[in-house]
């Protein structure tokens, strides 16, 4: 007979399949449809591996970064994706996401629940070098999407370049190089008319 631990793990794995149904505000880069959270987390994991040489810290625990990135949006299964520039949506975001973390990670055996919860909190708090790098990638990726879809989300929601710069300046905490690149991209987007200054 299948043991209880395995059944809990399978229950969690089945539950997180729902991440594929949570749509974000960004189009995928060919502009054909909205990106979902599972695609977003996969993309971030690949970015973490490919761009690690640009992190501020040279001795990052890449496995820890990858775990954080794969876990960070699981709470959106219950809490939904809160658009970066939705100030009202951020009012109760922490409350919604904490409740979601408790329920979803609670499906796991206790030590795995604790590990996922701690990694999720570490990502949210952005205090460690790994969390800062992971957070930098999480902010950079939507900029890439907007740039390569000619500012789709920025234009649709009336987002200006000053708001994008202010919201994303924390990229520098994880990677000065990626923040410099992001600023160049945003400047070029303004020049091309993808976003208003």
Foldseek 3Di string as FASTA:
>chain_A
DDDPQVVLVVVLVVLLVLQQVFFDLFAALVNPGTHGRQNLLVVLLVCCVVVVVQWPDVDDPSVLLNLLSNLQCSLCSFLGDDHLPPPVSVPCSVVSSVVSLCVSLVSHPPVSSVVSVVSNVCLVVVPDLSSLQSVLSSLLVRLVRCLSNLQVSCVVVVNALVNSLVSNVSNVVTGVVSNVVSVVSSVVSCVVVSHPD
